[in-house]
Amino acid sequence: QVQLVESGGGLVQPGGSLRLSCAASGFTFSSYSMSWYRQAPGKKRELVARITSTSGTLNYADSVKGRFTISRDNAKNTVYLQMNNLKPEDTAVYYCNARRVSNNYWGQGTQVTVSS
């Protein structure tokens, strides 16, 4: 049974930091590209960051470059998103995604709210 379980979301003030984690099980984690997406109310889900299976390629949305860092630990089957200098516009539900060829898995999401 495939599972992606996100954690680490919450309420943070502007300028603050959060670290999201996504624990994976039920598939060969090390063979999958892993991504973080987010969806704000009334908006489409958008890609935030992606890391390939070997951590050889990292991609970021322009809006988070220089503030967010994606990483993975294949020994722990976990992908992380370090978010620094958070802004109110980063408020959204953040989703973990695993993709390989035709397989595409999603987590249930974790809420991140940036507000004073």
N, C-alpha and C. Protein backbone atom coordinates (compact mmCIF):
# COMPACT_ATOMS: atom_id res chain seq x y z
N GLN A 1 0.85 -1.20 0.00
CA GLN A 1 0.00 0.00 0.00
C GLN A 1 0.89 1.25 0.00
N VAL A 2 0.70 2.08 -1.00
CA VAL A 2 1.49 3.30 -1.12
C VAL A 2 1.00 4.34 -0.12
N GLN A 3 1.93 4.93 0.59
CA GLN A 3 1.59 6.02 1.51
C GLN A 3 2.62 7.12 1.42
N LEU A 4 2.14 8.35 1.39
CA LEU A 4 2.96 9.55 1.52
C LEU A 4 2.35 10.37 2.64
N VAL A 5 3.09 10.55 3.71
CA VAL A 5 2.56 11.23 4.89
C VAL A 5 3.37 12.49 5.16
N GLU A 6 2.72 13.63 4.95
CA GLU A 6 3.39 14.91 5.19
C GLU A 6 3.24 15.34 6.64
N SER A 7 4.21 16.08 7.11
CA SER A 7 4.17 16.65 8.46
C SER A 7 5.02 17.91 8.48
N GLY A 8 4.83 18.70 9.54
CA GLY A 8 5.66 19.88 9.73
C GLY A 8 4.98 21.20 9.42
N GLY A 9 3.76 21.15 8.92
CA GLY A 9 3.06 22.38 8.64
C GLY A 9 2.61 23.07 9.92
N GLY A 10 2.08 24.28 9.75
CA GLY A 10 1.59 25.02 10.91
C GLY A 10 1.48 26.50 10.62
N LEU A 11 1.33 27.25 11.70
CA LEU A 11 1.21 28.71 11.61
C LEU A 11 2.56 29.33 11.95
N VAL A 12 3.01 30.24 11.10
CA VAL A 12 4.30 30.89 11.32
C VAL A 12 4.17 32.35 10.92
N GLN A 13 4.94 33.20 11.57
CA GLN A 13 4.93 34.62 11.24
C GLN A 13 5.76 34.89 9.98
N PRO A 14 5.45 35.95 9.28
CA PRO A 14 6.28 36.32 8.12
C PRO A 14 7.75 36.44 8.52
N GLY A 15 8.61 35.91 7.65
CA GLY A 15 10.04 35.87 7.94
C GLY A 15 10.48 34.63 8.67
N GLY A 16 9.54 33.83 9.12
CA GLY A 16 9.87 32.62 9.86
C GLY A 16 10.21 31.45 8.96
N SER A 17 10.45 30.31 9.59
CA SER A 17 10.86 29.10 8.87
C SER A 17 10.02 27.91 9.30
N LEU A 18 9.88 26.98 8.39
CA LEU A 18 9.28 25.68 8.66
C LEU A 18 10.01 24.63 7.86
N ARG A 19 10.00 23.41 8.37
CA ARG A 19 10.56 22.29 7.62
C ARG A 19 9.49 21.23 7.47
N LEU A 20 9.10 20.98 6.23
CA LEU A 20 8.13 19.93 5.93
C LEU A 20 8.86 18.62 5.68
N SER A 21 8.21 17.53 6.10
CA SER A 21 8.73 16.19 5.84
C SER A 21 7.64 15.37 5.17
N CYS A 22 8.06 14.43 4.35
CA CYS A 22 7.14 13.50 3.70
C CYS A 22 7.74 12.11 3.81
N ALA A 23 7.11 11.28 4.60
CA ALA A 23 7.57 9.90 4.79
C ALA A 23 6.84 8.98 3.81
N ALA A 24 7.61 8.23 3.04
CA ALA A 24 7.05 7.39 1.98
C ALA A 24 7.15 5.92 2.35
N SER A 25 6.19 5.15 1.87
CA SER A 25 6.23 3.70 2.05
C SER A 25 5.39 3.04 0.96
N GLY A 26 5.67 1.76 0.72
CA GLY A 26 4.88 1.00 -0.23
C GLY A 26 5.38 1.03 -1.66
N PHE A 27 6.50 1.67 -1.90
CA PHE A 27 7.10 1.69 -3.23
C PHE A 27 8.61 1.92 -3.08
N THR A 28 9.33 1.78 -4.17
CA THR A 28 10.79 1.92 -4.13
C THR A 28 11.14 3.40 -4.20
N PHE A 29 11.21 4.00 -3.04
CA PHE A 29 11.38 5.44 -2.92
C PHE A 29 12.58 5.96 -3.72
N SER A 30 13.68 5.25 -3.66
CA SER A 30 14.91 5.75 -4.27
C SER A 30 14.84 5.83 -5.78
N SER A 31 13.82 5.20 -6.38
CA SER A 31 13.68 5.21 -7.83
C SER A 31 12.76 6.30 -8.35
N TYR A 32 12.18 7.06 -7.44
CA TYR A 32 11.17 8.04 -7.80
C TYR A 32 11.68 9.47 -7.67
N SER A 33 11.29 10.31 -8.61
CA SER A 33 11.43 11.75 -8.42
C SER A 33 10.39 12.19 -7.40
N MET A 34 10.80 13.09 -6.53
CA MET A 34 9.90 13.57 -5.47
C MET A 34 9.71 15.07 -5.61
N SER A 35 8.50 15.50 -5.36
CA SER A 35 8.19 16.92 -5.52
C SER A 35 7.31 17.40 -4.38
N TRP A 36 7.33 18.70 -4.19
CA TRP A 36 6.38 19.39 -3.32
C TRP A 36 5.55 20.31 -4.20
N TYR A 37 4.24 20.23 -4.04
CA TYR A 37 3.30 21.13 -4.69
C TYR A 37 2.56 21.89 -3.59
N ARG A 38 1.91 22.96 -3.99
CA ARG A 38 1.05 23.67 -3.04
C ARG A 38 -0.19 24.18 -3.75
N GLN A 39 -1.24 24.35 -2.97
CA GLN A 39 -2.49 24.87 -3.50
C GLN A 39 -3.09 25.84 -2.50
N ALA A 40 -3.21 27.08 -2.92
CA ALA A 40 -3.83 28.11 -2.10
C ALA A 40 -5.32 28.15 -2.44
N PRO A 41 -6.14 28.67 -1.54
CA PRO A 41 -7.59 28.74 -1.80
C PRO A 41 -7.90 29.48 -3.09
N GLY A 42 -8.70 28.86 -3.94
CA GLY A 42 -9.11 29.48 -5.18
C GLY A 42 -8.07 29.46 -6.28
N LYS A 43 -6.94 28.79 -6.03
CA LYS A 43 -5.87 28.75 -7.04
C LYS A 43 -5.58 27.30 -7.43
N LYS A 44 -4.90 27.16 -8.57
CA LYS A 44 -4.52 25.84 -9.04
C LYS A 44 -3.32 25.32 -8.24
N ARG A 45 -3.22 24.02 -8.19
CA ARG A 45 -2.05 23.42 -7.55
C ARG A 45 -0.82 23.73 -8.40
N GLU A 46 0.26 24.11 -7.74
CA GLU A 46 1.46 24.50 -8.46
C GLU A 46 2.68 23.77 -7.90
N LEU A 47 3.64 23.53 -8.80
CA LEU A 47 4.89 22.90 -8.38
C LEU A 47 5.73 23.89 -7.60
N VAL A 48 6.23 23.46 -6.45
CA VAL A 48 7.11 24.27 -5.63
C VAL A 48 8.56 23.86 -5.84
N ALA A 49 8.83 22.57 -5.75
CA ALA A 49 10.20 22.08 -5.89
C ALA A 49 10.19 20.61 -6.26
N ARG A 50 11.21 20.20 -6.98
CA ARG A 50 11.33 18.80 -7.40
C ARG A 50 12.78 18.36 -7.26
N ILE A 51 12.95 17.10 -6.88
CA ILE A 51 14.29 16.52 -6.77
C ILE A 51 14.26 15.14 -7.43
N THR A 52 15.24 14.87 -8.26
CA THR A 52 15.27 13.58 -8.95
C THR A 52 15.70 12.47 -8.00
N SER A 53 15.61 11.25 -8.49
CA SER A 53 15.84 10.08 -7.63
C SER A 53 17.24 10.06 -7.02
N THR A 54 18.22 10.55 -7.77
CA THR A 54 19.60 10.55 -7.29
C THR A 54 20.01 11.90 -6.73
N SER A 55 19.06 12.79 -6.56
CA SER A 55 19.32 14.16 -6.08
C SER A 55 20.20 14.94 -7.06
N GLY A 56 20.27 14.45 -8.32
CA GLY A 56 21.14 15.11 -9.28
C GLY A 56 20.57 16.39 -9.84
N THR A 57 19.25 16.52 -9.85
CA THR A 57 18.61 17.70 -10.41
C THR A 57 17.58 18.25 -9.44
N LEU A 58 17.65 19.54 -9.21
CA LEU A 58 16.69 20.22 -8.36
C LEU A 58 16.02 21.31 -9.19
N ASN A 59 14.73 21.43 -9.04
CA ASN A 59 13.98 22.49 -9.72
C ASN A 59 13.13 23.22 -8.69
N TYR A 60 13.03 24.52 -8.88
CA TYR A 60 12.23 25.34 -7.97
C TYR A 60 11.35 26.31 -8.75
N ALA A 61 10.20 26.59 -8.19
CA ALA A 61 9.39 27.68 -8.71
C ALA A 61 10.13 28.99 -8.49
N ASP A 62 9.98 29.92 -9.42
CA ASP A 62 10.67 31.20 -9.29
C ASP A 62 10.33 31.90 -7.98
N SER A 63 9.11 31.72 -7.53
CA SER A 63 8.64 32.43 -6.34
C SER A 63 9.32 31.96 -5.05
N VAL A 64 9.97 30.79 -5.08
CA VAL A 64 10.58 30.27 -3.86
C VAL A 64 12.10 30.13 -3.96
N LYS A 65 12.66 30.41 -5.12
CA LYS A 65 14.11 30.29 -5.29
C LYS A 65 14.84 31.16 -4.28
N GLY A 66 15.86 30.57 -3.67
CA GLY A 66 16.64 31.29 -2.68
C GLY A 66 16.06 31.25 -1.28
N ARG A 67 14.83 30.76 -1.14
CA ARG A 67 14.18 30.69 0.18
C ARG A 67 13.88 29.26 0.58
N PHE A 68 13.54 28.41 -0.38
CA PHE A 68 13.17 27.02 -0.09
C PHE A 68 14.27 26.08 -0.59
N THR A 69 14.44 24.97 0.13
CA THR A 69 15.40 23.95 -0.28
C THR A 69 14.76 22.58 -0.15
N ILE A 70 14.79 21.82 -1.23
CA ILE A 70 14.28 20.45 -1.21
C ILE A 70 15.47 19.50 -1.05
N SER A 71 15.25 18.43 -0.29
CA SER A 71 16.29 17.42 -0.11
C SER A 71 15.62 16.09 0.15
N ARG A 72 16.39 15.02 0.06
CA ARG A 72 15.84 13.70 0.31
C ARG A 72 16.86 12.84 1.02
N ASP A 73 16.33 11.87 1.76
CA ASP A 73 17.16 10.87 2.42
C ASP A 73 16.63 9.52 2.00
N ASN A 74 17.28 8.90 1.04
CA ASN A 74 16.78 7.64 0.50
C ASN A 74 16.86 6.50 1.53
N ALA A 75 17.75 6.64 2.51
CA ALA A 75 17.84 5.62 3.56
C ALA A 75 16.63 5.68 4.50
N LYS A 76 16.03 6.86 4.60
CA LYS A 76 14.87 7.04 5.47
C LYS A 76 13.56 7.14 4.69
N ASN A 77 13.64 7.03 3.37
CA ASN A 77 12.44 7.14 2.52
C ASN A 77 11.68 8.44 2.81
N THR A 78 12.41 9.51 2.92
CA THR A 78 11.81 10.78 3.31
C THR A 78 12.34 11.91 2.42
N VAL A 79 11.43 12.81 2.07
CA VAL A 79 11.79 14.03 1.36
C VAL A 79 11.43 15.22 2.24
N TYR A 80 12.23 16.26 2.16
CA TYR A 80 12.06 17.42 3.01
C TYR A 80 11.91 18.69 2.18
N LEU A 81 11.29 19.68 2.78
CA LEU A 81 11.24 21.01 2.19
C LEU A 81 11.54 22.00 3.31
N GLN A 82 12.72 22.59 3.26
CA GLN A 82 13.09 23.63 4.20
C GLN A 82 12.62 24.96 3.64
N MET A 83 11.79 25.65 4.40
CA MET A 83 11.20 26.91 3.94
C MET A 83 11.65 28.03 4.87
N ASN A 84 12.40 28.97 4.32
CA ASN A 84 12.89 30.10 5.09
C ASN A 84 12.29 31.40 4.57
N ASN A 85 12.36 32.43 5.38
CA ASN A 85 11.85 33.75 5.00
C ASN A 85 10.43 33.63 4.41
N LEU A 86 9.58 32.98 5.13
CA LEU A 86 8.22 32.73 4.63
C LEU A 86 7.44 34.02 4.51
N LYS A 87 6.59 34.05 3.49
CA LYS A 87 5.78 35.21 3.19
C LYS A 87 4.30 34.83 3.25
N PRO A 88 3.41 35.79 3.45
CA PRO A 88 1.98 35.47 3.49
C PRO A 88 1.51 34.74 2.22
N GLU A 89 2.11 35.05 1.09
CA GLU A 89 1.71 34.40 -0.16
C GLU A 89 2.16 32.94 -0.24
N ASP A 90 2.94 32.49 0.71
CA ASP A 90 3.30 31.07 0.77
C ASP A 90 2.20 30.24 1.46
N THR A 91 1.19 30.89 1.99
CA THR A 91 0.10 30.19 2.65
C THR A 91 -0.62 29.28 1.67
N ALA A 92 -0.70 28.00 2.01
CA ALA A 92 -1.31 27.02 1.12
C ALA A 92 -1.29 25.66 1.81
N VAL A 93 -1.98 24.71 1.18
CA VAL A 93 -1.79 23.31 1.55
C VAL A 93 -0.65 22.77 0.70
N TYR A 94 0.32 22.16 1.35
CA TYR A 94 1.50 21.63 0.67
C TYR A 94 1.36 20.11 0.54
N TYR A 95 1.58 19.63 -0.68
CA TYR A 95 1.42 18.22 -1.00
C TYR A 95 2.73 17.60 -1.45
N CYS A 96 2.96 16.40 -1.00
CA CYS A 96 4.11 15.61 -1.43
C CYS A 96 3.68 14.75 -2.63
N ASN A 97 4.57 14.63 -3.61
CA ASN A 97 4.26 13.85 -4.82
C ASN A 97 5.44 12.96 -5.16
N ALA A 98 5.14 11.74 -5.57
CA ALA A 98 6.14 10.80 -6.05
C ALA A 98 5.77 10.39 -7.47
N ARG A 99 6.76 10.43 -8.36
CA ARG A 99 6.45 10.13 -9.76
C ARG A 99 7.58 9.31 -10.39
N ARG A 100 7.14 8.28 -11.14
CA ARG A 100 8.08 7.50 -11.94
C ARG A 100 7.31 6.88 -13.08
N VAL A 101 7.64 7.26 -14.28
CA VAL A 101 6.98 6.76 -15.49
C VAL A 101 5.48 7.03 -15.34
N SER A 102 4.66 6.00 -15.31
CA SER A 102 3.22 6.20 -15.24
C SER A 102 2.68 6.20 -13.81
N ASN A 103 3.54 5.97 -12.84
CA ASN A 103 3.11 5.98 -11.44
C ASN A 103 3.19 7.39 -10.87
N ASN A 104 2.13 7.80 -10.22
CA ASN A 104 2.04 9.17 -9.71
C ASN A 104 1.25 9.12 -8.40
N TYR A 105 1.93 9.39 -7.29
CA TYR A 105 1.31 9.26 -5.97
C TYR A 105 1.29 10.60 -5.25
N TRP A 106 0.22 10.80 -4.43
CA TRP A 106 0.06 12.05 -3.68
C TRP A 106 -0.14 11.78 -2.20
N GLY A 107 0.33 12.70 -1.39
CA GLY A 107 0.02 12.69 0.02
C GLY A 107 -1.27 13.44 0.27
N GLN A 108 -1.66 13.51 1.55
CA GLN A 108 -2.93 14.13 1.90
C GLN A 108 -2.81 15.63 2.10
N GLY A 109 -1.58 16.12 2.21
CA GLY A 109 -1.35 17.55 2.35
C GLY A 109 -1.17 18.00 3.78
N THR A 110 -0.44 19.10 3.94
CA THR A 110 -0.26 19.72 5.25
C THR A 110 -0.40 21.23 5.08
N GLN A 111 -1.13 21.83 5.99
CA GLN A 111 -1.43 23.26 5.88
C GLN A 111 -0.26 24.09 6.39
N VAL A 112 0.10 25.09 5.60
CA VAL A 112 1.08 26.09 6.01
C VAL A 112 0.40 27.46 5.96
N THR A 113 0.40 28.15 7.08
CA THR A 113 -0.21 29.47 7.15
C THR A 113 0.83 30.46 7.64
N VAL A 114 1.04 31.50 6.85
CA VAL A 114 2.01 32.54 7.19
C VAL A 114 1.23 33.82 7.48
N SER A 115 1.23 34.20 8.74
CA SER A 115 0.42 35.35 9.15
C SER A 115 0.95 35.91 10.45
N SER A 116 0.80 37.23 10.60
CA SER A 116 1.18 37.86 11.85
C SER A 116 -0.02 37.97 12.78
